[in-house]
Amino acid sequence: MTSEQALPKVGSYEFLVEPFHCDFSSHLFPGHLGNGMLNAADYHSRDRGYGVAALNLIHRTWVLSRFAIEILESPKAYDNVLAETWVETAKKFFTSRNFAVLSPDGSKPYAYGRSIWAMIDTDTRQPADIFSIKDGLLSKYIETDKPCPIDPPSRVVLGHDLTLARKVVAQYNDVDVNGHVNSVKYIDHVLDLFSLDYYKSHRLRRLDIAYVAESHAGDTLCLYTKQTVQTEDEEEYVVRMTKESREEKDNEVEIVRCKVKFVKD
């Protein structure tokens, strides 16, 4: 039995909540919480032999398609937390991966996540067969018995009459090792639509994001938003993000759809 085959289906990774990754209330920024989950996914797939580095050698990579985060209680500065991740299902072109962020002993849940990933050919940018990699190695690590107690990522129905809230030009700090705007940077841009005063009385409960197309450094990102729910206890907004065409300024390409739900403190 190889070391890859000997690993458990569920990966567990402990990390420290660093103070410079926290907001004015000393709670972990949601974007850094998402980064912790995605780092766990990278470690989990790498250690089991189907991570990005191994896939790049055969001109393949993983692309995040949908991501949902539900926060029960945000960790605070200097907390040690445990990020768990596991693959729940896999089909020819897509796989679903779940997350749990817990106290180190597992007794206290901070947040949960669900995600959908596609494998693509890096030369053609077309879908690639997941089960063609190492004789279907990933299928040996599917975990169906471990529950994830949040809903799957939603389709994010936008409706009509969204209002342009902001334009942002993608810069150096937005771009990751793949050469395009990082998945979590889109989340940061969405959450920046709400003021500091708003976060003093509201906290993020759930975020659903669907990645439609890529954007790159120098692209102008247009964020359109609309409030869809307002009650005494919670508010919900949808956000559509586009990029302006560099050739035709009047044309925009949709790159992200997002839904955020806040609860009042």
Protein backbone atom coordinates (compact mmCIF):
# COMPACT_ATOMS: atom_id res chain seq x y z
CA MET A 1 0.00 0.00 0.00
CA THR A 2 1.40 3.39 -0.98
CA SER A 3 1.47 6.42 1.28
CA GLU A 4 -1.20 8.03 -0.92
CA GLN A 5 -3.55 5.06 -0.42
CA ALA A 6 -2.87 4.96 3.33
CA LEU A 7 -4.16 8.48 4.01
CA PRO A 8 -7.63 8.99 5.55
CA LYS A 9 -10.47 10.32 3.41
CA VAL A 10 -10.93 13.35 5.68
CA GLY A 11 -8.03 15.78 5.99
CA SER A 12 -7.51 17.87 9.14
CA TYR A 13 -5.24 20.93 9.24
CA GLU A 14 -4.66 23.20 12.21
CA PHE A 15 -3.90 26.88 11.79
CA LEU A 16 -3.54 29.98 13.93
CA VAL A 17 -5.84 32.97 13.46
CA GLU A 18 -3.26 35.71 12.99
CA PRO A 19 -4.20 39.18 14.27
CA PHE A 20 -3.41 40.89 10.98
CA HIS A 21 -6.00 38.64 9.32
CA CYS A 22 -8.71 40.01 11.61
CA ASP A 23 -11.07 42.98 11.32
CA PHE A 24 -11.75 45.87 13.70
CA SER A 25 -13.58 43.52 16.08
CA SER A 26 -10.65 41.05 16.22
CA HIS A 27 -12.66 38.46 14.29
CA LEU A 28 -11.20 36.65 11.29
CA PHE A 29 -12.03 38.31 7.98
CA PRO A 30 -14.44 36.09 5.98
CA GLY A 31 -12.01 36.12 3.07
CA HIS A 32 -9.26 34.67 5.25
CA LEU A 33 -11.70 32.07 6.55
CA GLY A 34 -12.35 31.12 2.92
CA ASN A 35 -8.60 31.03 2.29
CA GLY A 36 -8.19 28.62 5.20
CA MET A 37 -10.74 26.28 3.64
CA LEU A 38 -9.18 26.47 0.18
CA ASN A 39 -5.69 25.91 1.61
CA ALA A 40 -7.01 22.79 3.32
CA ALA A 41 -8.40 21.62 -0.03
CA ASP A 42 -4.99 22.16 -1.63
CA TYR A 43 -3.15 20.23 1.10
CA HIS A 44 -5.71 17.42 1.02
CA SER A 45 -5.55 16.91 -2.76
CA ARG A 46 -1.77 17.37 -2.91
CA ASP A 47 -1.06 14.78 -0.23
CA ARG A 48 -3.32 12.26 -1.97
CA GLY A 49 -1.71 12.66 -5.37
CA TYR A 50 -4.20 14.73 -7.36
CA GLY A 51 -3.25 18.26 -6.33
CA VAL A 52 -2.54 21.20 -8.60
CA ALA A 53 1.23 20.60 -8.81
CA ALA A 54 0.76 17.00 -9.97
CA LEU A 55 -1.99 17.98 -12.41
CA ASN A 56 0.06 20.80 -13.96
CA LEU A 57 2.62 18.23 -15.11
CA ILE A 58 -0.05 16.75 -17.37
CA HIS A 59 -1.62 20.09 -18.33
CA ARG A 60 -4.59 19.83 -15.99
CA THR A 61 -5.78 21.92 -13.06
CA TRP A 62 -8.67 22.39 -10.66
CA VAL A 63 -11.07 25.33 -11.12
CA LEU A 64 -13.43 26.43 -8.36
CA SER A 65 -16.95 26.68 -9.76
CA ARG A 66 -19.16 27.35 -6.72
CA PHE A 67 -18.42 28.06 -3.08
CA ALA A 68 -20.68 28.50 -0.06
CA ILE A 69 -19.57 29.50 3.43
CA GLU A 70 -21.83 29.56 6.46
CA ILE A 71 -20.42 31.19 9.60
CA LEU A 72 -21.82 30.23 12.99
CA GLU A 73 -19.21 32.16 14.96
CA SER A 74 -16.13 33.78 13.53
CA PRO A 75 -12.82 32.80 15.19
CA LYS A 76 -10.90 35.56 16.95
CA ALA A 77 -7.25 36.61 16.88
CA TYR A 78 -4.83 34.01 18.26
CA ASP A 79 -7.44 31.22 18.21
CA ASN A 80 -6.18 27.88 17.01
CA VAL A 81 -8.67 26.29 14.65
CA LEU A 82 -8.97 23.01 12.77
CA ALA A 83 -9.95 22.99 9.10
CA GLU A 84 -11.38 19.68 7.94
CA THR A 85 -12.10 18.84 4.31
CA TRP A 86 -13.37 15.86 2.36
CA VAL A 87 -14.67 14.97 -1.10
CA GLU A 88 -18.37 14.15 -0.99
CA THR A 89 -19.11 13.25 -4.62
CA ALA A 90 -17.32 13.00 -7.94
CA LYS A 91 -18.58 12.83 -11.50
CA LYS A 92 -16.71 12.89 -14.80
CA PHE A 93 -16.11 16.64 -14.90
CA PHE A 94 -17.11 17.92 -11.44
CA THR A 95 -16.47 17.05 -7.82
CA SER A 96 -17.96 18.42 -4.60
CA ARG A 97 -15.82 19.10 -1.55
CA ASN A 98 -16.99 20.02 1.95
CA PHE A 99 -15.36 21.86 4.84
CA ALA A 100 -15.72 22.24 8.59
CA VAL A 101 -13.81 24.79 10.69
CA LEU A 102 -13.72 23.70 14.31
CA SER A 103 -11.97 24.21 17.61
CA PRO A 104 -8.83 22.03 17.84
CA ASP A 105 -10.64 19.31 19.83
CA GLY A 106 -13.54 19.35 17.37
CA SER A 107 -16.13 20.26 19.99
CA LYS A 108 -16.99 23.77 18.72
CA PRO A 109 -18.00 24.46 15.10
CA TYR A 110 -17.08 27.89 13.75
CA ALA A 111 -18.09 27.53 10.11
CA TYR A 112 -18.92 25.09 7.34
CA GLY A 113 -18.34 25.22 3.62
CA ARG A 114 -19.38 23.46 0.44
CA SER A 115 -17.72 23.76 -2.94
CA ILE A 116 -17.91 22.45 -6.49
CA TRP A 117 -14.77 22.04 -8.59
CA ALA A 118 -14.13 21.29 -12.25
CA MET A 119 -10.99 19.81 -13.76
CA ILE A 120 -9.87 21.50 -16.97
CA ASP A 121 -7.17 21.10 -19.61
CA THR A 122 -4.83 24.09 -19.17
CA ASP A 123 -4.08 24.22 -22.90
CA THR A 124 -7.64 24.15 -24.23
CA ARG A 125 -9.43 25.46 -21.07
CA GLN A 126 -11.99 22.69 -21.69
CA PRO A 127 -13.33 20.20 -19.10
CA ALA A 128 -11.16 17.16 -18.43
CA ASP A 129 -12.12 13.71 -17.17
CA ILE A 130 -11.44 13.50 -13.42
CA PHE A 131 -11.38 9.70 -13.47
CA SER A 132 -8.66 9.61 -16.13
CA ILE A 133 -6.14 10.83 -13.54
CA LYS A 134 -4.09 8.02 -11.99
CA ASP A 135 -6.71 5.38 -12.81
CA GLY A 136 -9.45 7.23 -10.98
CA LEU A 137 -7.45 7.79 -7.81
CA LEU A 138 -9.82 10.46 -6.49
CA SER A 139 -12.71 7.97 -6.35
CA LYS A 140 -10.87 6.11 -3.56
CA TYR A 141 -11.18 9.17 -1.33
CA ILE A 142 -14.90 9.91 -1.60
CA GLU A 143 -16.44 10.22 1.87
CA THR A 144 -20.23 9.85 1.93
CA ASP A 145 -20.78 9.15 5.63
CA LYS A 146 -19.55 12.46 7.06
CA PRO A 147 -22.36 15.04 7.15
CA CYS A 148 -22.04 18.72 6.26
CA PRO A 149 -24.99 20.50 7.92
CA ILE A 150 -25.44 23.39 5.46
CA ASP A 151 -27.22 23.66 2.14
CA PRO A 152 -25.24 23.16 -1.08
CA PRO A 153 -24.17 26.27 -3.02
CA SER A 154 -27.20 27.97 -4.54
CA ARG A 155 -27.64 28.94 -8.18
CA VAL A 156 -27.74 32.64 -7.15
CA VAL A 157 -30.76 33.96 -9.00
CA LEU A 158 -30.16 37.66 -9.58
CA GLY A 159 -33.48 38.90 -10.90
CA HIS A 160 -33.67 42.40 -12.38
CA ASP A 161 -32.97 46.02 -11.49
CA LEU A 162 -29.53 45.65 -9.94
CA THR A 163 -27.73 48.95 -9.42
CA LEU A 164 -24.10 49.65 -10.22
CA ALA A 165 -22.45 50.09 -6.83
CA ARG A 166 -18.75 50.27 -7.64
CA LYS A 167 -16.06 49.75 -10.25
CA VAL A 168 -12.71 48.20 -9.30
CA VAL A 169 -9.61 47.74 -11.43
CA ALA A 170 -7.93 44.38 -10.75
CA GLN A 171 -4.38 44.97 -9.57
CA TYR A 172 -1.26 43.10 -8.42
CA ASN A 173 -2.73 41.96 -5.11
CA ASP A 174 -5.79 40.48 -6.81
CA VAL A 175 -3.89 38.04 -9.00
CA ASP A 176 -2.74 34.58 -7.85
CA VAL A 177 -0.28 31.95 -9.12
CA ASN A 178 -2.69 30.96 -11.90
CA GLY A 179 -2.40 34.43 -13.42
CA HIS A 180 -6.01 35.47 -12.89
CA VAL A 181 -7.98 37.16 -10.12
CA ASN A 182 -8.03 34.95 -7.03
CA SER A 183 -11.31 33.31 -6.00
CA VAL A 184 -11.27 34.88 -2.54
CA LYS A 185 -10.45 38.35 -3.89
CA TYR A 186 -13.89 38.41 -5.49
CA ILE A 187 -15.36 37.74 -2.05
CA ASP A 188 -13.34 40.62 -0.60
CA HIS A 189 -14.62 42.99 -3.29
CA VAL A 190 -18.22 41.95 -2.63
CA LEU A 191 -17.91 42.43 1.13
CA ASP A 192 -16.28 45.84 0.64
CA LEU A 193 -19.61 47.04 -0.78
CA PHE A 194 -20.81 47.37 2.82
CA SER A 195 -19.52 50.08 5.13
CA LEU A 196 -17.55 49.71 8.33
CA ASP A 197 -20.55 51.06 10.24
CA TYR A 198 -22.73 48.36 8.68
CA TYR A 199 -20.40 45.67 10.03
CA LYS A 200 -20.66 47.19 13.50
CA SER A 201 -24.30 46.11 13.62
CA HIS A 202 -24.37 43.17 11.18
CA ARG A 203 -22.31 40.06 10.68
CA LEU A 204 -22.04 37.78 7.68
CA ARG A 205 -23.95 34.53 8.13
CA ARG A 206 -23.74 32.97 4.68
CA LEU A 207 -22.14 33.65 1.33
CA ASP A 208 -22.84 31.83 -1.95
CA ILE A 209 -20.65 32.59 -4.94
CA ALA A 210 -20.66 31.20 -8.47
CA TYR A 211 -17.61 31.73 -10.67
CA VAL A 212 -18.67 32.22 -14.29
CA ALA A 213 -15.55 33.47 -16.08
CA GLU A 214 -11.99 34.57 -15.35
CA SER A 215 -10.62 38.10 -15.06
CA HIS A 216 -7.07 39.39 -15.07
CA ALA A 217 -4.89 42.28 -13.92
CA GLY A 218 -5.99 45.51 -15.55
CA ASP A 219 -9.60 44.41 -16.01
CA THR A 220 -12.27 46.82 -14.77
CA LEU A 221 -14.70 44.93 -12.55
CA CYS A 222 -18.24 46.31 -12.25
CA LEU A 223 -20.26 45.34 -9.17
CA TYR A 224 -24.05 45.53 -9.37
CA THR A 225 -26.18 44.84 -6.31
CA LYS A 226 -29.73 44.66 -4.98
CA GLN A 227 -31.26 43.92 -1.60
CA THR A 228 -33.60 40.93 -1.79
CA VAL A 229 -34.53 40.33 1.86
CA GLN A 230 -34.98 42.70 4.78
CA THR A 231 -36.47 41.56 8.09
CA GLU A 232 -35.99 42.55 11.69
CA ASP A 233 -33.19 39.98 12.08
CA GLU A 234 -31.55 39.53 8.68
CA GLU A 235 -30.77 41.11 5.33
CA GLU A 236 -29.86 39.48 2.03
CA TYR A 237 -28.26 40.94 -1.09
CA VAL A 238 -27.35 39.65 -4.53
CA VAL A 239 -24.29 40.88 -6.41
CA ARG A 240 -23.46 40.55 -10.09
CA MET A 241 -19.88 41.21 -11.12
CA THR A 242 -18.83 41.84 -14.69
CA LYS A 243 -15.66 42.88 -16.46
CA GLU A 244 -15.60 45.57 -19.10
CA SER A 245 -14.41 44.50 -22.51
CA ARG A 246 -11.01 46.00 -23.28
CA GLU A 247 -11.97 46.29 -26.95
CA GLU A 248 -15.59 47.41 -26.60
CA LYS A 249 -16.16 49.58 -23.53
CA ASP A 250 -19.93 49.28 -23.79
CA ASN A 251 -19.79 45.48 -23.54
CA GLU A 252 -19.47 43.62 -20.24
CA VAL A 253 -18.87 39.93 -19.52
CA GLU A 254 -20.36 38.36 -16.40
CA ILE A 255 -17.69 36.80 -14.19
CA VAL A 256 -19.30 36.27 -10.76
CA ARG A 257 -22.71 35.87 -9.15
CA CYS A 258 -22.94 36.17 -5.38
CA LYS A 259 -25.53 36.15 -2.60
CA VAL A 260 -24.75 37.34 0.91
CA LYS A 261 -26.88 37.04 4.02
CA PHE A 262 -26.25 39.16 7.13
CA VAL A 263 -27.75 38.84 10.59
CA LYS A 264 -28.01 41.65 13.11
CA ASP A 265 -25.88 41.52 16.22
